[in-house]
């Protein structure tokens, strides 16, 4: 199945910016993040279809997944 992944440019992950990605049926958000080597510590929260998502949420065909990064500044 395919999901659409959108990340802000600050992630510096062009492989995850506005891409359609093939994932296995039944994969959770946590498992997907591990597959693409996206550390939990770099994500403030994730959004699936404009709703804040839990890491245990199962992905479905056509989902739009966005990752909001942790921010630091000074």
Protein backbone atom coordinates (compact mmCIF):
# COMPACT_ATOMS: atom_id res chain seq x y z
CA UNK A 1 0.00 0.00 0.00
CA UNK A 2 1.05 3.60 -0.44
CA UNK A 3 1.13 6.51 2.00
CA UNK A 4 1.96 10.15 1.34
CA UNK A 5 4.69 11.59 3.55
CA UNK A 6 5.17 15.32 4.07
CA UNK A 7 7.96 16.76 6.19
CA UNK A 8 9.15 20.35 6.57
CA UNK A 9 12.44 21.31 4.89
CA UNK A 10 14.07 21.67 8.31
CA UNK A 11 14.22 17.88 8.55
CA UNK A 12 16.88 17.75 5.84
CA UNK A 13 15.43 14.43 4.72
CA UNK A 14 14.65 14.84 1.03
CA UNK A 15 13.68 11.15 0.92
CA UNK A 16 10.69 12.03 3.17
CA UNK A 17 9.64 15.38 1.70
CA UNK A 18 6.41 15.22 -0.28
CA UNK A 19 6.88 11.58 -1.27
CA UNK A 20 4.59 8.65 -1.88
CA UNK A 21 6.11 5.65 -0.13
CA UNK A 22 5.21 1.98 -0.35
CA UNK A 23 4.67 0.31 3.05
CA UNK A 24 3.48 -3.12 4.15
CA UNK A 25 -0.16 -3.63 5.20
CA UNK A 26 -0.62 -3.44 8.96
CA UNK A 27 2.50 -1.38 9.61
CA UNK A 28 2.25 1.04 12.53
CA UNK A 29 3.59 4.57 12.56
CA UNK A 30 6.34 3.47 14.97
CA UNK A 31 7.40 0.63 12.64
CA UNK A 32 7.42 2.94 9.63
CA UNK A 33 9.62 5.44 11.47
CA UNK A 34 12.06 2.64 12.34
CA UNK A 35 12.11 1.48 8.70
CA UNK A 36 13.07 4.95 7.44
CA UNK A 37 15.46 5.52 10.37
CA UNK A 38 13.55 8.48 11.79
CA UNK A 39 14.35 8.69 15.50
CA UNK A 40 11.53 9.29 17.99
CA UNK A 41 13.73 11.91 19.63
CA UNK A 42 13.68 14.02 16.46
CA UNK A 43 9.87 14.07 16.22
CA UNK A 44 7.74 16.29 18.44
CA UNK A 45 4.62 14.59 17.10
CA UNK A 46 3.18 12.99 13.98
CA UNK A 47 0.01 13.80 12.11
CA UNK A 48 -2.02 11.36 10.03
CA UNK A 49 -4.77 12.84 7.86
CA UNK A 50 -4.72 16.15 9.79
CA UNK A 51 -5.11 14.39 13.17
CA UNK A 52 -2.43 14.04 15.85
CA UNK A 53 -1.38 10.39 15.74
CA UNK A 54 -0.26 7.81 18.27
CA UNK A 55 2.87 5.83 17.47
CA UNK A 56 0.83 2.62 17.66
CA UNK A 57 -1.61 3.81 14.98
CA UNK A 58 -1.81 1.47 12.01
CA UNK A 59 -1.20 3.07 8.63
CA UNK A 60 -3.76 2.71 5.86
CA UNK A 61 -3.55 3.06 2.09
CA UNK A 62 -3.66 6.72 1.07
CA UNK A 63 -2.85 8.11 4.52
CA UNK A 64 -1.14 11.50 4.58
CA UNK A 65 1.60 11.38 7.21
CA UNK A 66 3.44 14.47 8.47
CA UNK A 67 6.20 14.67 11.03
CA UNK A 68 6.63 17.79 13.15
CA UNK A 69 10.26 18.09 14.28
CA UNK A 70 11.58 19.03 17.70
CA UNK A 71 12.78 22.62 17.55
CA UNK A 72 15.59 24.32 19.38
CA UNK A 73 16.74 27.85 19.25
CA UNK A 74 18.28 30.61 21.09
